[in-house]
Amino acid sequence: MAEAALWWAALCGLYTVLISTVDAPALLLAGCLAVGLVPTVGRPIAAAAARFTDRSGYLGAVLDRAAAPPLPAPPADRTGSSILLGLLGDYVTWLLVGLAGLLAAVAALS
């Protein structure tokens, strides 16, 4: 009976560890899907990224202690060509990953 209790405790502990290691990737995936699929989520993030990379505005705020004028938000809309080229890049990436995996498997067998 004690062995069964120890086994069950170990199994529950392992389950808790597995669930906790899945939480962070699941949250990241949900955030990425929200940014990619809902345009109103991506626009403020794109505007924040533009402000973050604005060197002259940063220097003005730090050295002159003056607030920089707000930057225009970059377009976060998706066009057909951007979607097509993004998918094409994904296909090439996965093709190369698969080829590398196949070559590694062949090298391991020989």
Protein backbone atom coordinates (compact mmCIF):
# COMPACT_ATOMS: atom_id res chain seq x y z
CA MET A 1 0.00 0.00 0.00
CA ALA A 2 2.83 2.40 0.82
CA GLU A 3 4.46 1.69 -2.53
CA ALA A 4 1.24 2.58 -4.34
CA ALA A 5 1.01 5.83 -2.39
CA LEU A 6 4.60 6.70 -3.27
CA TRP A 7 3.99 5.85 -6.91
CA TRP A 8 0.85 8.01 -6.95
CA ALA A 9 2.67 10.93 -5.28
CA ALA A 10 5.50 10.69 -7.79
CA LEU A 11 3.01 10.58 -10.66
CA CYS A 12 1.14 13.63 -9.36
CA GLY A 13 4.39 15.50 -8.87
CA LEU A 14 5.48 14.67 -12.42
CA TYR A 15 2.07 15.76 -13.72
CA THR A 16 2.42 19.09 -11.89
CA VAL A 17 5.88 19.63 -13.36
CA LEU A 18 4.63 18.80 -16.86
CA ILE A 19 1.67 21.16 -16.55
CA SER A 20 3.89 23.97 -15.27
CA THR A 21 6.30 23.52 -18.19
CA VAL A 22 3.42 23.74 -20.66
CA ASP A 23 1.95 26.95 -19.21
CA ALA A 24 4.57 29.40 -20.49
CA PRO A 25 4.62 28.14 -24.11
CA ALA A 26 0.82 28.04 -24.15
CA LEU A 27 0.63 31.66 -22.99
CA LEU A 28 3.22 32.72 -25.57
CA LEU A 29 1.32 30.90 -28.31
CA ALA A 30 -1.95 32.53 -27.27
CA GLY A 31 -0.32 35.96 -27.31
CA CYS A 32 1.22 35.38 -30.73
CA LEU A 33 -2.09 34.20 -32.13
CA ALA A 34 -3.85 37.25 -30.69
CA VAL A 35 -1.30 39.62 -32.25
CA GLY A 36 -1.40 37.85 -35.60
CA LEU A 37 -5.12 37.29 -35.95
CA VAL A 38 -6.64 40.40 -34.35
CA PRO A 39 -5.40 43.57 -36.10
CA THR A 40 -6.46 45.87 -33.25
CA VAL A 41 -4.05 44.06 -30.92
CA GLY A 42 -1.07 44.41 -33.25
CA ARG A 43 -1.36 48.16 -33.91
CA PRO A 44 -0.49 49.38 -30.39
CA ILE A 45 2.36 46.89 -30.22
CA ALA A 46 3.70 48.13 -33.56
CA ALA A 47 3.45 51.74 -32.33
CA ALA A 48 5.33 50.85 -29.14
CA ALA A 49 8.01 49.12 -31.20
CA ALA A 50 8.39 52.22 -33.37
CA ARG A 51 8.80 54.42 -30.27
CA PHE A 52 11.29 51.94 -28.81
CA THR A 53 13.50 52.05 -31.91
CA ASP A 54 13.30 55.85 -32.36
CA ARG A 55 16.88 56.89 -31.51
CA SER A 56 16.41 60.64 -31.96
CA GLY A 57 13.31 60.68 -29.77
CA TYR A 58 15.14 58.73 -27.09
CA LEU A 59 18.16 61.04 -27.17
CA GLY A 60 15.89 64.08 -27.00
CA ALA A 61 14.03 62.68 -24.02
CA VAL A 62 17.21 61.72 -22.16
CA LEU A 63 19.56 64.59 -22.99
CA ASP A 64 17.16 67.50 -23.49
CA ARG A 65 14.52 66.22 -21.08
CA ALA A 66 11.90 67.11 -23.62
CA ALA A 67 9.19 64.79 -24.72
CA ALA A 68 9.55 63.72 -28.31
CA PRO A 69 6.59 64.24 -30.60
CA PRO A 70 4.58 61.07 -31.05
CA LEU A 71 5.54 58.96 -34.02
CA PRO A 72 2.95 57.92 -36.54
CA ALA A 73 1.95 54.33 -36.01
CA PRO A 74 3.35 52.01 -38.65
CA PRO A 75 0.75 50.11 -40.63
CA ALA A 76 -0.03 46.77 -39.06
CA ASP A 77 -2.29 45.63 -41.87
CA ARG A 78 -1.58 42.45 -43.73
CA THR A 79 -1.54 42.39 -47.49
CA GLY A 80 -1.81 39.40 -49.75
CA SER A 81 1.82 39.61 -50.79
CA SER A 82 3.05 39.83 -47.18
CA ILE A 83 1.03 36.77 -46.23
CA LEU A 84 2.23 34.88 -49.30
CA LEU A 85 5.87 35.74 -48.72
CA GLY A 86 5.59 34.90 -45.04
CA LEU A 87 4.14 31.51 -45.85
CA LEU A 88 6.80 30.93 -48.48
CA GLY A 89 9.51 31.68 -45.92
CA ASP A 90 7.90 29.23 -43.50
CA TYR A 91 7.79 26.52 -46.15
CA VAL A 92 11.46 26.98 -46.98
CA THR A 93 12.39 26.93 -43.30
CA TRP A 94 10.48 23.73 -42.58
CA LEU A 95 11.84 22.12 -45.73
CA LEU A 96 15.39 22.80 -44.54
CA VAL A 97 14.61 21.63 -40.99
CA GLY A 98 13.14 18.41 -42.34
CA LEU A 99 16.09 17.87 -44.65
CA ALA A 100 18.52 18.43 -41.78
CA GLY A 101 16.59 15.95 -39.63
CA LEU A 102 16.58 13.38 -42.42
CA LEU A 103 20.31 13.81 -42.98
CA ALA A 104 20.96 13.50 -39.25
CA ALA A 105 18.92 10.28 -39.12
CA VAL A 106 20.77 8.82 -42.11
CA ALA A 107 24.11 9.78 -40.56
CA ALA A 108 23.11 8.16 -37.25
CA LEU A 109 22.13 4.91 -38.98
CA SER A 110 25.30 4.60 -41.03
